[in-house]
Amino acid sequence: MILDLQVPAGESEQEYVVKKSRFIARVIPVESREEVNAAVARSKKDYPDARHHCWAYVLGSPADATSAGMNDDGEPSGTAGKPILNVLQHGHLGNALVIVIRYFGGIKLGAGGLVRAYSTATGLALESAPAKKLRQWLTFQLQMDFSDEQPLRHFLTTMTAEIIEVVYSETVSIRIRVSCEDEVPLQRFCGARNVSIASV
């Protein structure tokens, strides 16, 4: 489980101009490849006359993404998507898509110039993007007497938690999800009532 993952709090944009070429970098929170595709399609509708819509994304932690991807969208191979992804992977935001929309200004930048421009635009956008902490969940298996079930259910209403599964046999087995910040109160409750608790 990733702790303290920062994600974009919403969409934001920053513009960077070099040699008359405009680079509009858009940061978008995403949780799936489908959301990436939808955001790229929307970007092309928002800026239909732009020459390029280059992008990269990371799902999960930026340094250890569960999924990542990039696209040069017509720019020379390796000059757009890869620099965007590189800045993302060394940044502080996970579950993030960066689309850099380019309006060509008539002056060619060369491969090195493109890499610098896309990297700079991405960096500026990520630095200014509002961020929030992603709520992290822990899953526990609880084993208890029947007399402890109702007190537990009532206790769970006081925190950020949800019951995933309940199995009745000689005892009650309940699988729950709680937010990280509620782990200590839950452990205390279980200790006070001799409820068996195990991390799943």
N, C-alpha and C. Protein backbone atom coordinates (compact mmCIF):
# COMPACT_ATOMS: atom_id res chain seq x y z
N MET A 1 0.83 -1.20 0.00
CA MET A 1 0.00 0.00 0.00
C MET A 1 0.87 1.25 0.00
N ILE A 2 0.46 2.23 -0.80
CA ILE A 2 1.22 3.47 -0.90
C ILE A 2 0.71 4.44 0.15
N LEU A 3 1.60 4.99 0.94
CA LEU A 3 1.21 5.96 1.94
C LEU A 3 1.46 7.37 1.43
N ASP A 4 0.59 8.29 1.86
CA ASP A 4 0.77 9.72 1.56
C ASP A 4 0.89 10.00 0.06
N LEU A 5 0.11 9.31 -0.75
CA LEU A 5 0.13 9.58 -2.18
C LEU A 5 -0.59 10.88 -2.48
N GLN A 6 0.11 11.79 -3.14
CA GLN A 6 -0.49 13.05 -3.54
C GLN A 6 -1.03 12.90 -4.97
N VAL A 7 -2.24 13.38 -5.18
CA VAL A 7 -2.87 13.32 -6.50
C VAL A 7 -3.40 14.71 -6.85
N PRO A 8 -3.63 14.98 -8.14
CA PRO A 8 -4.19 16.29 -8.50
C PRO A 8 -5.56 16.48 -7.85
N ALA A 9 -5.79 17.68 -7.31
CA ALA A 9 -7.07 17.98 -6.67
C ALA A 9 -8.13 18.35 -7.71
N GLY A 10 -7.70 18.56 -8.92
CA GLY A 10 -8.59 18.93 -10.01
C GLY A 10 -7.76 19.22 -11.24
N GLU A 11 -8.39 19.70 -12.29
CA GLU A 11 -7.66 20.02 -13.51
C GLU A 11 -7.03 21.40 -13.40
N SER A 12 -5.86 21.56 -14.01
CA SER A 12 -5.21 22.87 -14.05
C SER A 12 -4.37 22.98 -15.32
N GLU A 13 -4.06 24.20 -15.71
CA GLU A 13 -3.27 24.44 -16.92
C GLU A 13 -2.21 25.50 -16.68
N GLN A 14 -1.10 25.34 -17.38
CA GLN A 14 -0.05 26.35 -17.41
C GLN A 14 0.42 26.50 -18.85
N GLU A 15 0.74 27.73 -19.23
CA GLU A 15 1.23 27.95 -20.60
C GLU A 15 2.70 28.34 -20.57
N TYR A 16 3.44 27.80 -21.54
CA TYR A 16 4.86 28.10 -21.68
C TYR A 16 5.11 28.42 -23.15
N VAL A 17 5.79 29.54 -23.41
CA VAL A 17 6.06 29.96 -24.79
C VAL A 17 7.55 29.98 -25.04
N VAL A 18 7.98 29.35 -26.14
CA VAL A 18 9.38 29.38 -26.54
C VAL A 18 9.46 29.51 -28.06
N LYS A 19 10.19 30.51 -28.53
CA LYS A 19 10.33 30.78 -29.97
C LYS A 19 8.98 30.75 -30.69
N LYS A 20 8.01 31.43 -30.09
CA LYS A 20 6.67 31.63 -30.64
C LYS A 20 5.79 30.38 -30.61
N SER A 21 6.35 29.24 -30.20
CA SER A 21 5.52 28.05 -30.03
C SER A 21 4.88 28.08 -28.65
N ARG A 22 3.55 27.85 -28.60
CA ARG A 22 2.83 27.82 -27.32
C ARG A 22 2.69 26.37 -26.85
N PHE A 23 3.05 26.12 -25.62
CA PHE A 23 2.89 24.81 -25.00
C PHE A 23 1.94 24.96 -23.82
N ILE A 24 0.74 24.42 -23.96
CA ILE A 24 -0.26 24.50 -22.89
C ILE A 24 -0.29 23.14 -22.19
N ALA A 25 0.18 23.11 -20.96
CA ALA A 25 0.26 21.85 -20.21
C ALA A 25 -0.93 21.74 -19.28
N ARG A 26 -1.67 20.67 -19.44
CA ARG A 26 -2.89 20.43 -18.66
C ARG A 26 -2.67 19.22 -17.75
N VAL A 27 -2.89 19.40 -16.44
CA VAL A 27 -2.77 18.31 -15.47
C VAL A 27 -4.18 17.84 -15.11
N ILE A 28 -4.40 16.53 -15.21
CA ILE A 28 -5.74 15.97 -15.00
C ILE A 28 -5.64 14.74 -14.09
N PRO A 29 -6.48 14.65 -13.06
CA PRO A 29 -6.50 13.44 -12.23
C PRO A 29 -7.14 12.28 -13.00
N VAL A 30 -6.51 11.12 -12.99
CA VAL A 30 -7.05 9.94 -13.67
C VAL A 30 -6.84 8.70 -12.81
N GLU A 31 -7.72 7.72 -13.01
CA GLU A 31 -7.60 6.46 -12.26
C GLU A 31 -7.62 5.24 -13.18
N SER A 32 -7.73 5.46 -14.49
CA SER A 32 -7.75 4.33 -15.42
C SER A 32 -7.32 4.79 -16.81
N ARG A 33 -6.98 3.83 -17.66
CA ARG A 33 -6.61 4.15 -19.04
C ARG A 33 -7.80 4.71 -19.81
N GLU A 34 -9.01 4.26 -19.43
CA GLU A 34 -10.22 4.78 -20.07
C GLU A 34 -10.38 6.28 -19.80
N GLU A 35 -10.07 6.69 -18.56
CA GLU A 35 -10.15 8.12 -18.23
C GLU A 35 -9.08 8.91 -18.98
N VAL A 36 -7.91 8.29 -19.18
CA VAL A 36 -6.85 8.94 -19.97
C VAL A 36 -7.35 9.20 -21.39
N ASN A 37 -7.90 8.16 -22.01
CA ASN A 37 -8.38 8.28 -23.40
C ASN A 37 -9.47 9.35 -23.52
N ALA A 38 -10.37 9.38 -22.54
CA ALA A 38 -11.46 10.36 -22.57
C ALA A 38 -10.91 11.78 -22.42
N ALA A 39 -9.92 11.96 -21.54
CA ALA A 39 -9.34 13.29 -21.31
C ALA A 39 -8.59 13.78 -22.54
N VAL A 40 -7.87 12.88 -23.22
CA VAL A 40 -7.14 13.25 -24.44
C VAL A 40 -8.14 13.66 -25.53
N ALA A 41 -9.22 12.90 -25.66
CA ALA A 41 -10.25 13.23 -26.66
C ALA A 41 -10.87 14.60 -26.37
N ARG A 42 -11.11 14.88 -25.07
CA ARG A 42 -11.68 16.17 -24.69
C ARG A 42 -10.71 17.30 -24.97
N SER A 43 -9.42 17.06 -24.75
CA SER A 43 -8.40 18.07 -25.02
C SER A 43 -8.40 18.45 -26.50
N LYS A 44 -8.56 17.44 -27.35
CA LYS A 44 -8.57 17.71 -28.80
C LYS A 44 -9.81 18.50 -29.22
N LYS A 45 -10.90 18.34 -28.46
CA LYS A 45 -12.10 19.14 -28.73
C LYS A 45 -11.92 20.57 -28.22
N ASP A 46 -11.23 20.69 -27.06
CA ASP A 46 -11.02 22.02 -26.47
C ASP A 46 -10.05 22.87 -27.30
N TYR A 47 -9.05 22.20 -27.90
CA TYR A 47 -8.04 22.90 -28.72
C TYR A 47 -7.95 22.22 -30.09
N PRO A 48 -9.01 22.32 -30.90
CA PRO A 48 -9.06 21.57 -32.16
C PRO A 48 -8.03 22.03 -33.19
N ASP A 49 -7.55 23.28 -33.07
CA ASP A 49 -6.62 23.81 -34.07
C ASP A 49 -5.16 23.65 -33.66
N ALA A 50 -4.90 23.00 -32.50
CA ALA A 50 -3.51 22.78 -32.08
C ALA A 50 -2.88 21.68 -32.93
N ARG A 51 -1.57 21.77 -33.16
CA ARG A 51 -0.90 20.81 -34.02
C ARG A 51 -0.65 19.48 -33.30
N HIS A 52 -0.34 19.55 -32.01
CA HIS A 52 -0.01 18.32 -31.26
C HIS A 52 -0.69 18.31 -29.90
N HIS A 53 -1.11 17.11 -29.49
CA HIS A 53 -1.63 16.87 -28.14
C HIS A 53 -0.82 15.70 -27.58
N CYS A 54 0.35 16.01 -27.03
CA CYS A 54 1.25 14.98 -26.52
C CYS A 54 0.94 14.74 -25.05
N TRP A 55 1.10 13.51 -24.60
CA TRP A 55 0.69 13.23 -23.22
C TRP A 55 1.46 12.07 -22.61
N ALA A 56 1.35 12.01 -21.29
CA ALA A 56 1.88 10.88 -20.51
C ALA A 56 1.09 10.82 -19.22
N TYR A 57 1.01 9.62 -18.65
CA TYR A 57 0.27 9.45 -17.40
C TYR A 57 0.95 8.42 -16.51
N VAL A 58 0.66 8.50 -15.22
CA VAL A 58 1.05 7.47 -14.26
C VAL A 58 -0.16 7.16 -13.38
N LEU A 59 -0.38 5.89 -13.14
CA LEU A 59 -1.40 5.46 -12.18
C LEU A 59 -0.67 4.90 -10.97
N GLY A 60 -1.08 5.34 -9.79
CA GLY A 60 -0.37 4.96 -8.57
C GLY A 60 0.72 5.97 -8.28
N SER A 61 1.73 5.52 -7.53
CA SER A 61 2.83 6.39 -7.15
C SER A 61 3.67 6.76 -8.37
N PRO A 62 4.13 8.03 -8.48
CA PRO A 62 4.90 8.42 -9.67
C PRO A 62 6.19 7.63 -9.85
N ALA A 63 6.85 7.27 -8.75
CA ALA A 63 8.14 6.56 -8.85
C ALA A 63 7.95 5.06 -9.06
N ASP A 64 6.77 4.55 -8.74
CA ASP A 64 6.53 3.11 -8.81
C ASP A 64 5.11 2.88 -9.32
N ALA A 65 4.85 3.35 -10.52
CA ALA A 65 3.49 3.33 -11.07
C ALA A 65 3.01 1.90 -11.38
N THR A 66 1.73 1.67 -11.12
CA THR A 66 1.13 0.39 -11.49
C THR A 66 0.88 0.35 -13.00
N SER A 67 0.74 1.52 -13.60
CA SER A 67 0.55 1.63 -15.05
C SER A 67 1.03 3.00 -15.50
N ALA A 68 1.62 3.05 -16.67
CA ALA A 68 2.10 4.33 -17.22
C ALA A 68 2.02 4.25 -18.74
N GLY A 69 1.94 5.40 -19.37
CA GLY A 69 1.90 5.43 -20.84
C GLY A 69 2.24 6.80 -21.35
N MET A 70 2.50 6.88 -22.66
CA MET A 70 2.86 8.18 -23.25
C MET A 70 2.56 8.15 -24.74
N ASN A 71 2.50 9.34 -25.34
CA ASN A 71 2.23 9.46 -26.77
C ASN A 71 2.85 10.75 -27.29
N ASP A 72 3.60 10.63 -28.41
CA ASP A 72 4.24 11.81 -29.01
C ASP A 72 3.30 12.59 -29.93
N ASP A 73 2.21 11.99 -30.32
CA ASP A 73 1.21 12.62 -31.20
C ASP A 73 1.83 13.40 -32.36
N GLY A 74 2.70 12.74 -33.11
CA GLY A 74 3.23 13.36 -34.32
C GLY A 74 4.54 14.09 -34.16
N GLU A 75 4.95 14.37 -32.93
CA GLU A 75 6.27 14.96 -32.72
C GLU A 75 7.32 13.87 -32.96
N PRO A 76 8.59 14.25 -33.27
CA PRO A 76 9.63 13.24 -33.47
C PRO A 76 9.70 12.29 -32.26
N SER A 77 9.87 11.01 -32.54
CA SER A 77 9.86 9.99 -31.49
C SER A 77 10.80 10.33 -30.33
N GLY A 78 10.25 10.27 -29.12
CA GLY A 78 11.05 10.49 -27.92
C GLY A 78 11.21 11.95 -27.51
N THR A 79 10.62 12.89 -28.27
CA THR A 79 10.82 14.31 -27.95
C THR A 79 9.68 14.93 -27.14
N ALA A 80 8.58 14.19 -26.96
CA ALA A 80 7.42 14.78 -26.27
C ALA A 80 6.90 13.88 -25.16
N GLY A 81 6.34 12.72 -25.52
CA GLY A 81 5.75 11.83 -24.52
C GLY A 81 6.75 11.39 -23.47
N LYS A 82 7.95 11.02 -23.90
CA LYS A 82 8.96 10.53 -22.95
C LYS A 82 9.41 11.61 -21.97
N PRO A 83 9.71 12.83 -22.44
CA PRO A 83 10.06 13.90 -21.49
C PRO A 83 8.93 14.21 -20.50
N ILE A 84 7.68 14.19 -20.98
CA ILE A 84 6.54 14.44 -20.08
C ILE A 84 6.50 13.35 -19.01
N LEU A 85 6.62 12.08 -19.45
CA LEU A 85 6.58 10.96 -18.51
C LEU A 85 7.74 11.02 -17.52
N ASN A 86 8.91 11.40 -18.00
CA ASN A 86 10.09 11.49 -17.13
C ASN A 86 9.87 12.50 -16.00
N VAL A 87 9.31 13.66 -16.35
CA VAL A 87 9.03 14.68 -15.33
C VAL A 87 7.96 14.17 -14.36
N LEU A 88 6.96 13.50 -14.89
CA LEU A 88 5.90 12.94 -14.04
C LEU A 88 6.47 11.93 -13.04
N GLN A 89 7.34 11.04 -13.54
CA GLN A 89 7.89 9.98 -12.69
C GLN A 89 8.82 10.52 -11.61
N HIS A 90 9.38 11.69 -11.83
CA HIS A 90 10.25 12.30 -10.82
C HIS A 90 9.52 13.37 -10.02
N GLY A 91 8.21 13.49 -10.24
CA GLY A 91 7.42 14.50 -9.55
C GLY A 91 6.77 13.95 -8.29
N HIS A 92 5.82 14.71 -7.75
CA HIS A 92 5.17 14.35 -6.48
C HIS A 92 3.73 13.90 -6.65
N LEU A 93 3.21 13.93 -7.89
CA LEU A 93 1.80 13.60 -8.09
C LEU A 93 1.62 12.23 -8.75
N GLY A 94 0.76 11.41 -8.16
CA GLY A 94 0.38 10.14 -8.76
C GLY A 94 -1.02 10.25 -9.34
N ASN A 95 -1.48 9.18 -9.99
CA ASN A 95 -2.81 9.17 -10.64
C ASN A 95 -3.01 10.44 -11.46
N ALA A 96 -2.00 10.74 -12.27
CA ALA A 96 -2.01 12.02 -13.00
C ALA A 96 -1.74 11.83 -14.48
N LEU A 97 -2.43 12.62 -15.27
CA LEU A 97 -2.22 12.71 -16.72
C LEU A 97 -1.78 14.13 -17.03
N VAL A 98 -0.73 14.26 -17.84
CA VAL A 98 -0.34 15.58 -18.33
C VAL A 98 -0.45 15.57 -19.84
N ILE A 99 -1.25 16.47 -20.37
CA ILE A 99 -1.37 16.66 -21.82
C ILE A 99 -0.73 18.00 -22.14
N VAL A 100 0.23 17.99 -23.06
CA VAL A 100 0.84 19.25 -23.48
C VAL A 100 0.37 19.53 -24.90
N ILE A 101 -0.39 20.61 -25.03
CA ILE A 101 -0.96 21.01 -26.31
C ILE A 101 -0.02 22.03 -26.94
N ARG A 102 0.42 21.76 -28.17
CA ARG A 102 1.39 22.65 -28.81
C ARG A 102 0.80 23.36 -30.03
N TYR A 103 0.97 24.66 -30.02
CA TYR A 103 0.70 25.47 -31.21
C TYR A 103 2.05 25.86 -31.79
N PHE A 104 2.34 25.40 -33.00
CA PHE A 104 3.63 25.65 -33.64
C PHE A 104 3.76 27.13 -34.01
N GLY A 105 4.91 27.72 -33.65
CA GLY A 105 5.10 29.16 -33.87
C GLY A 105 5.87 29.51 -35.13
N GLY A 106 6.20 28.50 -35.95
CA GLY A 106 6.88 28.77 -37.21
C GLY A 106 8.39 28.61 -37.14
N ILE A 107 8.94 28.47 -35.95
CA ILE A 107 10.39 28.28 -35.79
C ILE A 107 10.64 26.89 -35.23
N LYS A 108 11.39 26.07 -35.96
CA LYS A 108 11.67 24.70 -35.50
C LYS A 108 12.59 24.74 -34.28
N LEU A 109 12.29 23.90 -33.31
CA LEU A 109 13.06 23.89 -32.06
C LEU A 109 14.16 22.84 -32.06
N GLY A 110 14.07 21.86 -32.96
CA GLY A 110 15.04 20.76 -32.95
C GLY A 110 14.68 19.78 -31.85
N ALA A 111 15.27 18.58 -31.92
CA ALA A 111 14.94 17.53 -30.96
C ALA A 111 15.24 17.94 -29.52
N GLY A 112 16.42 18.51 -29.31
CA GLY A 112 16.80 18.94 -27.96
C GLY A 112 15.89 20.04 -27.44
N GLY A 113 15.53 20.96 -28.31
CA GLY A 113 14.64 22.05 -27.93
C GLY A 113 13.25 21.56 -27.57
N LEU A 114 12.77 20.56 -28.33
CA LEU A 114 11.46 19.99 -28.03
C LEU A 114 11.46 19.29 -26.67
N VAL A 115 12.49 18.51 -26.42
CA VAL A 115 12.59 17.81 -25.13
C VAL A 115 12.57 18.82 -23.99
N ARG A 116 13.36 19.88 -24.12
CA ARG A 116 13.40 20.91 -23.07
C ARG A 116 12.04 21.60 -22.91
N ALA A 117 11.41 21.90 -24.03
CA ALA A 117 10.13 22.62 -23.99
C ALA A 117 9.03 21.77 -23.33
N TYR A 118 8.94 20.51 -23.75
CA TYR A 118 7.91 19.65 -23.16
C TYR A 118 8.20 19.37 -21.69
N SER A 119 9.48 19.21 -21.35
CA SER A 119 9.85 18.98 -19.95
C SER A 119 9.53 20.21 -19.10
N THR A 120 9.88 21.39 -19.61
CA THR A 120 9.65 22.63 -18.86
C THR A 120 8.16 22.88 -18.66
N ALA A 121 7.39 22.72 -19.74
CA ALA A 121 5.93 22.94 -19.65
C ALA A 121 5.31 21.99 -18.63
N THR A 122 5.74 20.73 -18.65
CA THR A 122 5.21 19.74 -17.71
C THR A 122 5.59 20.10 -16.28
N GLY A 123 6.84 20.49 -16.07
CA GLY A 123 7.30 20.87 -14.73
C GLY A 123 6.54 22.05 -14.17
N LEU A 124 6.32 23.06 -15.00
CA LEU A 124 5.58 24.25 -14.56
C LEU A 124 4.15 23.88 -14.17
N ALA A 125 3.53 23.02 -14.98
CA ALA A 125 2.15 22.62 -14.71
C ALA A 125 2.04 21.81 -13.43
N LEU A 126 2.98 20.89 -13.21
CA LEU A 126 2.93 20.06 -12.01
C LEU A 126 3.20 20.88 -10.75
N GLU A 127 4.12 21.85 -10.84
CA GLU A 127 4.45 22.69 -9.68
C GLU A 127 3.24 23.52 -9.24
N SER A 128 2.46 23.96 -10.19
CA SER A 128 1.34 24.85 -9.86
C SER A 128 0.03 24.10 -9.66
N ALA A 129 0.00 22.80 -9.95
CA ALA A 129 -1.25 22.04 -9.85
C ALA A 129 -1.66 21.86 -8.39
N PRO A 130 -2.92 22.13 -8.07
CA PRO A 130 -3.38 21.88 -6.70
C PRO A 130 -3.37 20.37 -6.43
N ALA A 131 -2.93 19.99 -5.23
CA ALA A 131 -2.82 18.57 -4.90
C ALA A 131 -3.61 18.26 -3.64
N LYS A 132 -3.97 17.00 -3.52
CA LYS A 132 -4.62 16.53 -2.29
C LYS A 132 -4.07 15.15 -1.95
N LYS A 133 -4.20 14.77 -0.70
CA LYS A 133 -3.74 13.46 -0.27
C LYS A 133 -4.82 12.43 -0.59
N LEU A 134 -4.41 11.37 -1.24
CA LEU A 134 -5.36 10.31 -1.57
C LEU A 134 -5.61 9.48 -0.32
N ARG A 135 -6.88 9.29 -0.02
CA ARG A 135 -7.21 8.48 1.15
C ARG A 135 -6.78 7.04 0.92
N GLN A 136 -6.04 6.53 1.88
CA GLN A 136 -5.56 5.15 1.81
C GLN A 136 -6.38 4.26 2.72
N TRP A 137 -6.66 3.05 2.24
CA TRP A 137 -7.50 2.12 2.97
C TRP A 137 -6.70 0.93 3.47
N LEU A 138 -7.10 0.41 4.62
CA LEU A 138 -6.56 -0.83 5.16
C LEU A 138 -7.71 -1.82 5.31
N THR A 139 -7.43 -3.09 5.07
CA THR A 139 -8.46 -4.11 5.20
C THR A 139 -8.11 -5.03 6.37
N PHE A 140 -9.13 -5.31 7.20
CA PHE A 140 -8.93 -6.17 8.36
C PHE A 140 -9.99 -7.26 8.41
N GLN A 141 -9.60 -8.39 8.95
CA GLN A 141 -10.53 -9.49 9.24
C GLN A 141 -10.72 -9.53 10.75
N LEU A 142 -11.96 -9.39 11.20
CA LEU A 142 -12.26 -9.39 12.63
C LEU A 142 -13.04 -10.65 12.99
N GLN A 143 -12.70 -11.21 14.12
CA GLN A 143 -13.38 -12.40 14.63
C GLN A 143 -13.90 -12.07 16.02
N MET A 144 -15.21 -12.31 16.27
CA MET A 144 -15.78 -11.87 17.54
C MET A 144 -16.96 -12.72 17.96
N ASP A 145 -17.36 -12.55 19.21
CA ASP A 145 -18.59 -13.15 19.70
C ASP A 145 -19.77 -12.37 19.13
N PHE A 146 -20.94 -13.03 19.12
CA PHE A 146 -22.14 -12.37 18.61
C PHE A 146 -22.47 -11.10 19.38
N SER A 147 -22.14 -11.09 20.67
CA SER A 147 -22.46 -9.93 21.51
C SER A 147 -21.64 -8.70 21.14
N ASP A 148 -20.54 -8.91 20.39
CA ASP A 148 -19.68 -7.78 20.02
C ASP A 148 -20.04 -7.17 18.66
N GLU A 149 -20.93 -7.84 17.92
CA GLU A 149 -21.21 -7.37 16.55
C GLU A 149 -21.88 -6.00 16.53
N GLN A 150 -22.95 -5.83 17.32
CA GLN A 150 -23.66 -4.54 17.31
C GLN A 150 -22.80 -3.40 17.82
N PRO A 151 -22.05 -3.58 18.93
CA PRO A 151 -21.13 -2.50 19.35
C PRO A 151 -20.11 -2.14 18.28
N LEU A 152 -19.61 -3.17 17.57
CA LEU A 152 -18.65 -2.89 16.49
C LEU A 152 -19.32 -2.08 15.38
N ARG A 153 -20.49 -2.53 14.94
CA ARG A 153 -21.19 -1.81 13.86
C ARG A 153 -21.43 -0.35 14.25
N HIS A 154 -21.82 -0.13 15.52
CA HIS A 154 -22.03 1.24 15.97
C HIS A 154 -20.72 2.03 15.97
N PHE A 155 -19.65 1.39 16.42
CA PHE A 155 -18.34 2.05 16.46
C PHE A 155 -17.88 2.44 15.05
N LEU A 156 -18.14 1.58 14.08
CA LEU A 156 -17.69 1.86 12.70
C LEU A 156 -18.39 3.08 12.11
N THR A 157 -19.58 3.43 12.63
CA THR A 157 -20.27 4.62 12.11
C THR A 157 -19.58 5.90 12.54
N THR A 158 -18.66 5.81 13.51
CA THR A 158 -17.96 7.01 13.98
C THR A 158 -16.67 7.26 13.20
N MET A 159 -16.34 6.40 12.24
CA MET A 159 -15.10 6.55 11.49
C MET A 159 -15.35 6.32 10.00
N THR A 160 -14.31 6.50 9.21
CA THR A 160 -14.40 6.24 7.77
C THR A 160 -14.13 4.76 7.56
N ALA A 161 -15.20 3.98 7.42
CA ALA A 161 -15.06 2.53 7.32
C ALA A 161 -16.24 1.95 6.55
N GLU A 162 -16.04 0.76 6.04
CA GLU A 162 -17.14 0.04 5.41
C GLU A 162 -16.98 -1.45 5.64
N ILE A 163 -18.12 -2.13 5.79
CA ILE A 163 -18.12 -3.58 5.97
C ILE A 163 -18.15 -4.24 4.60
N ILE A 164 -17.19 -5.13 4.36
CA ILE A 164 -17.09 -5.81 3.06
C ILE A 164 -17.86 -7.13 3.09
N GLU A 165 -17.70 -7.87 4.19
CA GLU A 165 -18.32 -9.20 4.24
C GLU A 165 -18.54 -9.62 5.69
N VAL A 166 -19.66 -10.30 5.93
CA VAL A 166 -19.96 -10.84 7.26
C VAL A 166 -20.27 -12.32 7.11
N VAL A 167 -19.60 -13.16 7.91
CA VAL A 167 -19.84 -14.60 7.88
C VAL A 167 -20.19 -15.05 9.30
N TYR A 168 -21.35 -15.72 9.42
CA TYR A 168 -21.78 -16.22 10.72
C TYR A 168 -21.51 -17.71 10.82
N SER A 169 -20.85 -18.10 11.91
CA SER A 169 -20.66 -19.52 12.22
C SER A 169 -20.77 -19.63 13.74
N GLU A 170 -19.81 -20.26 14.39
CA GLU A 170 -19.85 -20.27 15.85
C GLU A 170 -19.51 -18.90 16.41
N THR A 171 -18.81 -18.13 15.60
CA THR A 171 -18.52 -16.73 15.95
C THR A 171 -18.92 -15.88 14.74
N VAL A 172 -18.67 -14.58 14.84
CA VAL A 172 -18.94 -13.67 13.72
C VAL A 172 -17.60 -13.24 13.12
N SER A 173 -17.48 -13.41 11.81
CA SER A 173 -16.27 -12.98 11.10
C SER A 173 -16.64 -11.84 10.17
N ILE A 174 -16.02 -10.70 10.37
CA ILE A 174 -16.35 -9.51 9.59
C ILE A 174 -15.09 -8.96 8.92
N ARG A 175 -15.18 -8.76 7.62
CA ARG A 175 -14.08 -8.11 6.90
C ARG A 175 -14.46 -6.66 6.67
N ILE A 176 -13.57 -5.75 7.05
CA ILE A 176 -13.87 -4.31 6.92
C ILE A 176 -12.71 -3.59 6.26
N ARG A 177 -13.05 -2.42 5.73
CA ARG A 177 -12.06 -1.49 5.19
C ARG A 177 -12.13 -0.23 6.01
N VAL A 178 -10.98 0.28 6.47
CA VAL A 178 -10.96 1.54 7.21
C VAL A 178 -9.87 2.44 6.64
N SER A 179 -10.04 3.73 6.79
CA SER A 179 -9.00 4.65 6.34
C SER A 179 -7.81 4.53 7.29
N CYS A 180 -6.63 4.84 6.77
CA CYS A 180 -5.40 4.70 7.56
C CYS A 180 -5.48 5.43 8.89
N GLU A 181 -6.09 6.63 8.88
CA GLU A 181 -6.10 7.42 10.11
C GLU A 181 -6.99 6.80 11.19
N ASP A 182 -7.85 5.83 10.81
CA ASP A 182 -8.73 5.19 11.79
C ASP A 182 -8.21 3.85 12.29
N GLU A 183 -7.02 3.46 11.89
CA GLU A 183 -6.48 2.16 12.31
C GLU A 183 -6.29 2.08 13.82
N VAL A 184 -5.69 3.11 14.42
CA VAL A 184 -5.38 3.07 15.86
C VAL A 184 -6.66 2.97 16.71
N PRO A 185 -7.68 3.81 16.47
CA PRO A 185 -8.92 3.66 17.25
C PRO A 185 -9.54 2.26 17.10
N LEU A 186 -9.48 1.71 15.89
CA LEU A 186 -10.03 0.37 15.68
C LEU A 186 -9.26 -0.68 16.49
N GLN A 187 -7.93 -0.57 16.47
CA GLN A 187 -7.10 -1.51 17.23
C GLN A 187 -7.43 -1.41 18.73
N ARG A 188 -7.64 -0.19 19.22
CA ARG A 188 -7.98 0.01 20.63
C ARG A 188 -9.33 -0.62 20.96
N PHE A 189 -10.30 -0.40 20.10
CA PHE A 189 -11.63 -0.98 20.31
C PHE A 189 -11.55 -2.50 20.39
N CYS A 190 -10.84 -3.10 19.43
CA CYS A 190 -10.72 -4.55 19.39
C CYS A 190 -9.98 -5.08 20.62
N GLY A 191 -8.93 -4.37 21.05
CA GLY A 191 -8.18 -4.79 22.24
C GLY A 191 -9.03 -4.75 23.48
N ALA A 192 -9.88 -3.72 23.59
CA ALA A 192 -10.72 -3.57 24.79
C ALA A 192 -11.79 -4.65 24.88
N ARG A 193 -12.24 -5.18 23.72
CA ARG A 193 -13.34 -6.15 23.72
C ARG A 193 -12.87 -7.56 23.37
N ASN A 194 -11.55 -7.78 23.33
CA ASN A 194 -11.00 -9.09 22.96
C ASN A 194 -11.50 -9.58 21.60
N VAL A 195 -11.61 -8.64 20.66
CA VAL A 195 -11.97 -8.99 19.28
C VAL A 195 -10.67 -9.28 18.52
N SER A 196 -10.62 -10.43 17.88
CA SER A 196 -9.43 -10.79 17.10
C SER A 196 -9.37 -9.95 15.83
N ILE A 197 -8.22 -9.34 15.57
CA ILE A 197 -8.08 -8.48 14.39
C ILE A 197 -6.81 -8.88 13.64
N ALA A 198 -6.94 -9.04 12.32
CA ALA A 198 -5.79 -9.41 11.48
C ALA A 198 -5.84 -8.60 10.20
N SER A 199 -4.69 -8.11 9.81
CA SER A 199 -4.59 -7.36 8.55
C SER A 199 -4.72 -8.31 7.38
N VAL A 200 -5.44 -7.89 6.36
CA VAL A 200 -5.64 -8.73 5.16
C VAL A 200 -4.85 -8.16 4.01
